[in-house]
Amino acid sequence: MPRQIDYYFTLLSPWTYLGHDAFVALAREHGLTIASRPTPLRSVFDETGGLPLPKRHPVRQRYRILELQRWREKRGLPLVLYPKHFPFDVSLADRMAIAMAEQGGDPSGFVGAVLAGVWARDEDLSRSELLTELAEKAGFDGARVLAAAESEAVKGRYQQTIDAAIAAGVFGAPSYVLDGEVFWGQDRLELLADALASGREPYRNDATE
């Protein structure tokens, strides 16, 4: 049975966008099954002490812009620093990713397209017709996915990711959880790659010297 890695993210995150393609490539290189967990991050922040962007000190906000420019160059990806439609209600897009997985598909292509739509193409990804179009391009029945995303069952599972994220030790996005070990941030992908290459046992919070 393929080894699984849990992928906690929000489609509002430029960091998720910057790391998405590299993460998917790494997971495929090592034969991992990606369990996509789009998460209402604001609720996770509320539970774990994080602050949404507008409430962070201006010094932190300014540094974020510097880091985005550095990583944009490092990854060789286009990135709009101040997208016109940010922030927006990302819940429908998130739920569509959940619906795709529940229909037996891999939502990675759709997730990547939505992230690029927000952070590279400066599109309004709150529009259901645009999301449906991206779902079709990713190989899904867009209307079927949209209908499933609006169901109470998928809405309930979306909310359940809040408790699942907190239980897993996740407090920000993106987070990659391998055998219970959390790698927070796309700048930890190198460490994740090292862990996969070495085959080491996962580190634990209760580890002693």
C-alpha atoms as a PDB file:
ATOM      1  CA  MET A   1       0.000   0.000   0.000  1.00  0.00           C
ATOM      2  CA  PRO A   2       1.479   3.415  -0.956  1.00  0.00           C
ATOM      3  CA  ARG A   3       2.731   5.606   1.845  1.00  0.00           C
ATOM      4  CA  GLN A   4       0.477   8.614   2.476  1.00  0.00           C
ATOM      5  CA  ILE A   5       1.338  12.243   3.126  1.00  0.00           C
ATOM      6  CA  ASP A   6      -1.313  14.634   4.406  1.00  0.00           C
ATOM      7  CA  TYR A   7      -1.308  18.003   2.638  1.00  0.00           C
ATOM      8  CA  TYR A   8      -2.927  20.779   4.666  1.00  0.00           C
ATOM      9  CA  PHE A   9      -3.311  24.001   2.725  1.00  0.00           C
ATOM     10  CA  THR A  10      -5.445  26.980   1.915  1.00  0.00           C
ATOM     11  CA  LEU A  11      -5.941  28.204  -1.632  1.00  0.00           C
ATOM     12  CA  LEU A  12      -5.527  31.741  -0.276  1.00  0.00           C
ATOM     13  CA  SER A  13      -1.874  31.131   0.574  1.00  0.00           C
ATOM     14  CA  PRO A  14       0.901  32.391  -1.721  1.00  0.00           C
ATOM     15  CA  TRP A  15       3.222  30.018   0.102  1.00  0.00           C
ATOM     16  CA  THR A  16       1.009  27.082  -0.866  1.00  0.00           C
ATOM     17  CA  TYR A  17       1.199  28.334  -4.457  1.00  0.00           C
ATOM     18  CA  LEU A  18       4.990  28.687  -4.392  1.00  0.00           C
ATOM     19  CA  GLY A  19       5.504  25.188  -3.068  1.00  0.00           C
ATOM     20  CA  HIS A  20       2.666  23.290  -4.738  1.00  0.00           C
ATOM     21  CA  ASP A  21       4.350  22.035  -7.911  1.00  0.00           C
ATOM     22  CA  ALA A  22       7.575  21.198  -6.104  1.00  0.00           C
ATOM     23  CA  PHE A  23       5.674  19.290  -3.418  1.00  0.00           C
ATOM     24  CA  VAL A  24       3.588  17.302  -5.900  1.00  0.00           C
ATOM     25  CA  ALA A  25       6.723  16.398  -7.863  1.00  0.00           C
ATOM     26  CA  LEU A  26       8.488  15.292  -4.673  1.00  0.00           C
ATOM     27  CA  ALA A  27       5.550  13.175  -3.559  1.00  0.00           C
ATOM     28  CA  ARG A  28       5.352  11.471  -6.947  1.00  0.00           C
ATOM     29  CA  GLU A  29       9.107  10.879  -7.014  1.00  0.00           C
ATOM     30  CA  HIS A  30       8.797   8.921  -3.773  1.00  0.00           C
ATOM     31  CA  GLY A  31       5.557   7.141  -4.671  1.00  0.00           C
ATOM     32  CA  LEU A  32       3.517   8.913  -1.991  1.00  0.00           C
ATOM     33  CA  THR A  33      -0.248   9.156  -2.028  1.00  0.00           C
ATOM     34  CA  ILE A  34      -1.246  12.777  -1.364  1.00  0.00           C
ATOM     35  CA  ALA A  35      -4.233  13.201   0.934  1.00  0.00           C
ATOM     36  CA  SER A  36      -5.366  16.748   0.150  1.00  0.00           C
ATOM     37  CA  ARG A  37      -6.754  18.573   3.188  1.00  0.00           C
ATOM     38  CA  PRO A  38      -7.928  22.068   2.188  1.00  0.00           C
ATOM     39  CA  THR A  39      -8.501  23.776   5.518  1.00  0.00           C
ATOM     40  CA  PRO A  40     -10.369  26.868   6.770  1.00  0.00           C
ATOM     41  CA  LEU A  41      -7.136  28.383   8.049  1.00  0.00           C
ATOM     42  CA  ARG A  42      -8.727  31.322   9.871  1.00  0.00           C
ATOM     43  CA  SER A  43     -10.443  28.876  12.213  1.00  0.00           C
ATOM     44  CA  VAL A  44      -7.150  27.064  12.786  1.00  0.00           C
ATOM     45  CA  PHE A  45      -5.506  30.421  13.580  1.00  0.00           C
ATOM     46  CA  ASP A  46      -8.244  31.156  16.109  1.00  0.00           C
ATOM     47  CA  GLU A  47      -7.536  27.876  17.872  1.00  0.00           C
ATOM     48  CA  THR A  48      -3.729  27.951  17.730  1.00  0.00           C
ATOM     49  CA  GLY A  49      -2.912  31.620  18.303  1.00  0.00           C
ATOM     50  CA  GLY A  50      -2.141  32.666  14.739  1.00  0.00           C
ATOM     51  CA  LEU A  51      -3.145  36.023  13.303  1.00  0.00           C
ATOM     52  CA  PRO A  52      -4.717  36.677   9.897  1.00  0.00           C
ATOM     53  CA  LEU A  53      -2.641  38.905   7.659  1.00  0.00           C
ATOM     54  CA  PRO A  54      -4.474  42.222   8.266  1.00  0.00           C
ATOM     55  CA  LYS A  55      -3.970  41.874  12.030  1.00  0.00           C
ATOM     56  CA  ARG A  56      -0.216  41.276  11.877  1.00  0.00           C
ATOM     57  CA  HIS A  57       2.173  44.060  12.782  1.00  0.00           C
ATOM     58  CA  PRO A  58       3.210  46.185   9.771  1.00  0.00           C
ATOM     59  CA  VAL A  59       6.813  45.072  10.268  1.00  0.00           C
ATOM     60  CA  ARG A  60       5.743  41.458   9.743  1.00  0.00           C
ATOM     61  CA  GLN A  61       3.605  42.401   6.749  1.00  0.00           C
ATOM     62  CA  ARG A  62       6.498  44.216   5.097  1.00  0.00           C
ATOM     63  CA  TYR A  63       8.838  41.295   5.676  1.00  0.00           C
ATOM     64  CA  ARG A  64       6.288  38.956   4.098  1.00  0.00           C
ATOM     65  CA  ILE A  65       6.528  40.971   0.868  1.00  0.00           C
ATOM     66  CA  LEU A  66      10.321  40.656   0.888  1.00  0.00           C
ATOM     67  CA  GLU A  67      10.113  36.910   1.356  1.00  0.00           C
ATOM     68  CA  LEU A  68       7.549  36.541  -1.414  1.00  0.00           C
ATOM     69  CA  GLN A  69       9.903  38.292  -3.813  1.00  0.00           C
ATOM     70  CA  ARG A  70      12.818  36.099  -2.762  1.00  0.00           C
ATOM     71  CA  TRP A  71      10.875  32.875  -3.153  1.00  0.00           C
ATOM     72  CA  ARG A  72       9.238  34.007  -6.379  1.00  0.00           C
ATOM     73  CA  GLU A  73      12.741  34.302  -7.812  1.00  0.00           C
ATOM     74  CA  LYS A  74      13.952  31.090  -6.158  1.00  0.00           C
ATOM     75  CA  ARG A  75      11.095  29.021  -7.551  1.00  0.00           C
ATOM     76  CA  GLY A  76      11.090  30.781 -10.923  1.00  0.00           C
ATOM     77  CA  LEU A  77       7.353  31.400 -10.742  1.00  0.00           C
ATOM     78  CA  PRO A  78       5.268  34.452 -11.599  1.00  0.00           C
ATOM     79  CA  LEU A  79       3.617  35.920  -8.529  1.00  0.00           C
ATOM     80  CA  VAL A  80       1.431  39.007  -8.112  1.00  0.00           C
ATOM     81  CA  LEU A  81       2.320  40.579  -4.772  1.00  0.00           C
ATOM     82  CA  TYR A  82      -0.991  42.406  -4.359  1.00  0.00           C
ATOM     83  CA  PRO A  83      -3.697  40.466  -6.252  1.00  0.00           C
ATOM     84  CA  LYS A  84      -6.854  42.466  -6.936  1.00  0.00           C
ATOM     85  CA  HIS A  85      -9.239  39.799  -5.665  1.00  0.00           C
ATOM     86  CA  PHE A  86      -7.383  38.885  -2.457  1.00  0.00           C
ATOM     87  CA  PRO A  87      -8.758  37.961  -0.028  1.00  0.00           C
ATOM     88  CA  PHE A  88     -11.873  36.191  -1.260  1.00  0.00           C
ATOM     89  CA  ASP A  89     -14.186  33.445  -0.031  1.00  0.00           C
ATOM     90  CA  VAL A  90     -12.133  30.381  -0.833  1.00  0.00           C
ATOM     91  CA  SER A  91     -14.518  27.840   0.665  1.00  0.00           C
ATOM     92  CA  LEU A  92     -16.167  26.745  -2.591  1.00  0.00           C
ATOM     93  CA  ALA A  93     -12.830  26.063  -4.286  1.00  0.00           C
ATOM     94  CA  ASP A  94     -11.642  24.192  -1.197  1.00  0.00           C
ATOM     95  CA  ARG A  95     -14.781  22.054  -1.126  1.00  0.00           C
ATOM     96  CA  MET A  96     -14.448  21.288  -4.830  1.00  0.00           C
ATOM     97  CA  ALA A  97     -10.992  19.861  -4.126  1.00  0.00           C
ATOM     98  CA  ILE A  98     -12.511  17.686  -1.392  1.00  0.00           C
ATOM     99  CA  ALA A  99     -15.279  16.550  -3.749  1.00  0.00           C
ATOM    100  CA  MET A 100     -12.733  15.576  -6.396  1.00  0.00           C
ATOM    101  CA  ALA A 101     -10.851  13.388  -3.925  1.00  0.00           C
ATOM    102  CA  GLU A 102     -14.070  11.787  -2.731  1.00  0.00           C
ATOM    103  CA  GLN A 103     -14.960  10.981  -6.329  1.00  0.00           C
ATOM    104  CA  GLY A 104     -11.702   9.041  -6.573  1.00  0.00           C
ATOM    105  CA  GLY A 105      -9.719  11.691  -8.431  1.00  0.00           C
ATOM    106  CA  ASP A 106      -6.487  13.548  -7.761  1.00  0.00           C
ATOM    107  CA  PRO A 107      -7.251  17.235  -7.163  1.00  0.00           C
ATOM    108  CA  SER A 108      -3.601  18.318  -7.438  1.00  0.00           C
ATOM    109  CA  GLY A 109      -3.984  19.726 -10.947  1.00  0.00           C
ATOM    110  CA  PHE A 110      -7.088  21.675  -9.997  1.00  0.00           C
ATOM    111  CA  VAL A 111      -5.440  22.970  -6.823  1.00  0.00           C
ATOM    112  CA  GLY A 112      -2.422  24.133  -8.805  1.00  0.00           C
ATOM    113  CA  ALA A 113      -4.633  25.853 -11.373  1.00  0.00           C
ATOM    114  CA  VAL A 114      -6.618  27.711  -8.713  1.00  0.00           C
ATOM    115  CA  LEU A 115      -3.450  28.800  -6.911  1.00  0.00           C
ATOM    116  CA  ALA A 116      -1.964  30.074 -10.164  1.00  0.00           C
ATOM    117  CA  GLY A 117      -5.247  31.806 -10.958  1.00  0.00           C
ATOM    118  CA  VAL A 118      -5.043  33.784  -7.737  1.00  0.00           C
ATOM    119  CA  TRP A 119      -1.299  34.445  -7.529  1.00  0.00           C
ATOM    120  CA  ALA A 120      -0.085  34.448 -11.144  1.00  0.00           C
ATOM    121  CA  ARG A 121      -3.073  35.376 -13.317  1.00  0.00           C
ATOM    122  CA  ASP A 122      -4.832  37.717 -10.847  1.00  0.00           C
ATOM    123  CA  GLU A 123      -8.238  36.139 -11.450  1.00  0.00           C
ATOM    124  CA  ASP A 124     -11.371  36.167  -9.297  1.00  0.00           C
ATOM    125  CA  LEU A 125     -11.506  32.596  -8.042  1.00  0.00           C
ATOM    126  CA  SER A 126     -14.672  33.144  -6.048  1.00  0.00           C
ATOM    127  CA  ARG A 127     -16.586  32.746  -9.349  1.00  0.00           C
ATOM    128  CA  SER A 128     -18.190  29.318  -9.600  1.00  0.00           C
ATOM    129  CA  GLU A 129     -18.131  29.386 -13.404  1.00  0.00           C
ATOM    130  CA  LEU A 130     -14.359  29.898 -13.431  1.00  0.00           C
ATOM    131  CA  LEU A 131     -13.865  27.134 -10.868  1.00  0.00           C
ATOM    132  CA  THR A 132     -16.015  24.816 -12.954  1.00  0.00           C
ATOM    133  CA  GLU A 133     -13.909  25.642 -16.016  1.00  0.00           C
ATOM    134  CA  LEU A 134     -10.693  24.850 -14.137  1.00  0.00           C
ATOM    135  CA  ALA A 135     -12.200  21.585 -12.905  1.00  0.00           C
ATOM    136  CA  GLU A 136     -13.007  20.624 -16.499  1.00  0.00           C
ATOM    137  CA  LYS A 137      -9.467  21.447 -17.614  1.00  0.00           C
ATOM    138  CA  ALA A 138      -8.146  19.238 -14.787  1.00  0.00           C
ATOM    139  CA  GLY A 139     -10.134  16.313 -16.196  1.00  0.00           C
ATOM    140  CA  PHE A 140     -13.230  16.382 -13.994  1.00  0.00           C
ATOM    141  CA  ASP A 141     -16.940  16.756 -14.647  1.00  0.00           C
ATOM    142  CA  GLY A 142     -17.175  20.362 -13.476  1.00  0.00           C
ATOM    143  CA  ALA A 143     -20.934  20.400 -12.909  1.00  0.00           C
ATOM    144  CA  ARG A 144     -20.796  17.165 -10.906  1.00  0.00           C
ATOM    145  CA  VAL A 145     -17.922  18.434  -8.768  1.00  0.00           C
ATOM    146  CA  LEU A 146     -19.669  21.755  -8.158  1.00  0.00           C
ATOM    147  CA  ALA A 147     -22.886  20.004  -7.083  1.00  0.00           C
ATOM    148  CA  ALA A 148     -20.956  17.752  -4.695  1.00  0.00           C
ATOM    149  CA  ALA A 149     -19.100  20.746  -3.245  1.00  0.00           C
ATOM    150  CA  GLU A 150     -22.440  22.344  -2.366  1.00  0.00           C
ATOM    151  CA  SER A 151     -23.689  19.227  -0.577  1.00  0.00           C
ATOM    152  CA  GLU A 152     -24.048  19.162   3.196  1.00  0.00           C
ATOM    153  CA  ALA A 153     -21.826  16.082   3.366  1.00  0.00           C
ATOM    154  CA  VAL A 154     -18.844  17.821   1.757  1.00  0.00           C
ATOM    155  CA  LYS A 155     -19.465  21.011   3.725  1.00  0.00           C
ATOM    156  CA  GLY A 156     -19.340  18.923   6.890  1.00  0.00           C
ATOM    157  CA  ARG A 157     -16.090  17.253   5.902  1.00  0.00           C
ATOM    158  CA  TYR A 158     -14.577  20.646   5.137  1.00  0.00           C
ATOM    159  CA  GLN A 159     -15.332  21.796   8.660  1.00  0.00           C
ATOM    160  CA  GLN A 160     -13.910  18.570  10.072  1.00  0.00           C
ATOM    161  CA  THR A 161     -10.495  19.452   8.642  1.00  0.00           C
ATOM    162  CA  ILE A 162     -10.189  22.143  11.332  1.00  0.00           C
ATOM    163  CA  ASP A 163     -10.118  19.588  14.145  1.00  0.00           C
ATOM    164  CA  ALA A 164      -8.016  17.207  12.046  1.00  0.00           C
ATOM    165  CA  ALA A 165      -5.413  19.902  11.387  1.00  0.00           C
ATOM    166  CA  ILE A 166      -5.153  20.882  15.036  1.00  0.00           C
ATOM    167  CA  ALA A 167      -4.952  17.237  16.130  1.00  0.00           C
ATOM    168  CA  ALA A 168      -2.126  16.722  13.626  1.00  0.00           C
ATOM    169  CA  GLY A 169      -0.185  19.690  15.031  1.00  0.00           C
ATOM    170  CA  VAL A 170      -0.856  21.939  12.038  1.00  0.00           C
ATOM    171  CA  PHE A 171      -1.101  25.693  12.612  1.00  0.00           C
ATOM    172  CA  GLY A 172      -0.276  27.206   9.215  1.00  0.00           C
ATOM    173  CA  ALA A 173      -0.231  26.518   5.496  1.00  0.00           C
ATOM    174  CA  PRO A 174       1.085  24.720   3.681  1.00  0.00           C
ATOM    175  CA  SER A 175       1.833  21.875   6.047  1.00  0.00           C
ATOM    176  CA  TYR A 176       2.957  18.434   4.973  1.00  0.00           C
ATOM    177  CA  VAL A 177       2.427  15.666   7.533  1.00  0.00           C
ATOM    178  CA  LEU A 178       4.436  12.490   7.003  1.00  0.00           C
ATOM    179  CA  ASP A 179       3.947   9.662   9.497  1.00  0.00           C
ATOM    180  CA  GLY A 180       2.840  12.212  12.089  1.00  0.00           C
ATOM    181  CA  GLU A 181       5.783  14.587  11.562  1.00  0.00           C
ATOM    182  CA  VAL A 182       4.763  18.097  10.500  1.00  0.00           C
ATOM    183  CA  PHE A 183       6.766  20.065   7.934  1.00  0.00           C
ATOM    184  CA  TRP A 184       5.351  23.597   7.986  1.00  0.00           C
ATOM    185  CA  GLY A 185       5.934  25.884   5.049  1.00  0.00           C
ATOM    186  CA  GLN A 186       7.077  25.421   1.478  1.00  0.00           C
ATOM    187  CA  ASP A 187      10.567  26.380   2.641  1.00  0.00           C
ATOM    188  CA  ARG A 188      10.663  23.022   4.497  1.00  0.00           C
ATOM    189  CA  LEU A 189      10.391  20.974   1.327  1.00  0.00           C
ATOM    190  CA  GLU A 190      14.137  20.359   1.318  1.00  0.00           C
ATOM    191  CA  LEU A 191      13.873  18.907   4.822  1.00  0.00           C
ATOM    192  CA  LEU A 192      10.947  16.763   3.717  1.00  0.00           C
ATOM    193  CA  ALA A 193      13.013  15.551   0.763  1.00  0.00           C
ATOM    194  CA  ASP A 194      15.873  14.668   3.116  1.00  0.00           C
ATOM    195  CA  ALA A 195      13.525  12.698   5.372  1.00  0.00           C
ATOM    196  CA  LEU A 196      12.157  10.760   2.415  1.00  0.00           C
ATOM    197  CA  ALA A 197      15.583  10.070   0.938  1.00  0.00           C
ATOM    198  CA  SER A 198      17.052   8.862   4.229  1.00  0.00           C
ATOM    199  CA  GLY A 199      14.077   6.749   5.265  1.00  0.00           C
ATOM    200  CA  ARG A 200      14.613   7.874   8.857  1.00  0.00           C
ATOM    201  CA  GLU A 201      12.018   7.439  11.579  1.00  0.00           C
ATOM    202  CA  PRO A 202       9.791  10.484  12.102  1.00  0.00           C
ATOM    203  CA  TYR A 203      10.808  12.966  14.764  1.00  0.00           C
ATOM    204  CA  ARG A 204       8.424  13.363  17.697  1.00  0.00           C
ATOM    205  CA  ASN A 205       7.758  16.235  20.074  1.00  0.00           C
ATOM    206  CA  ASP A 206       8.579  14.021  23.041  1.00  0.00           C
ATOM    207  CA  ALA A 207      11.952  12.982  21.629  1.00  0.00           C
ATOM    208  CA  THR A 208      14.808  13.039  24.119  1.00  0.00           C
ATOM    209  CA  GLU A 209      18.515  13.527  23.506  1.00  0.00           C
END
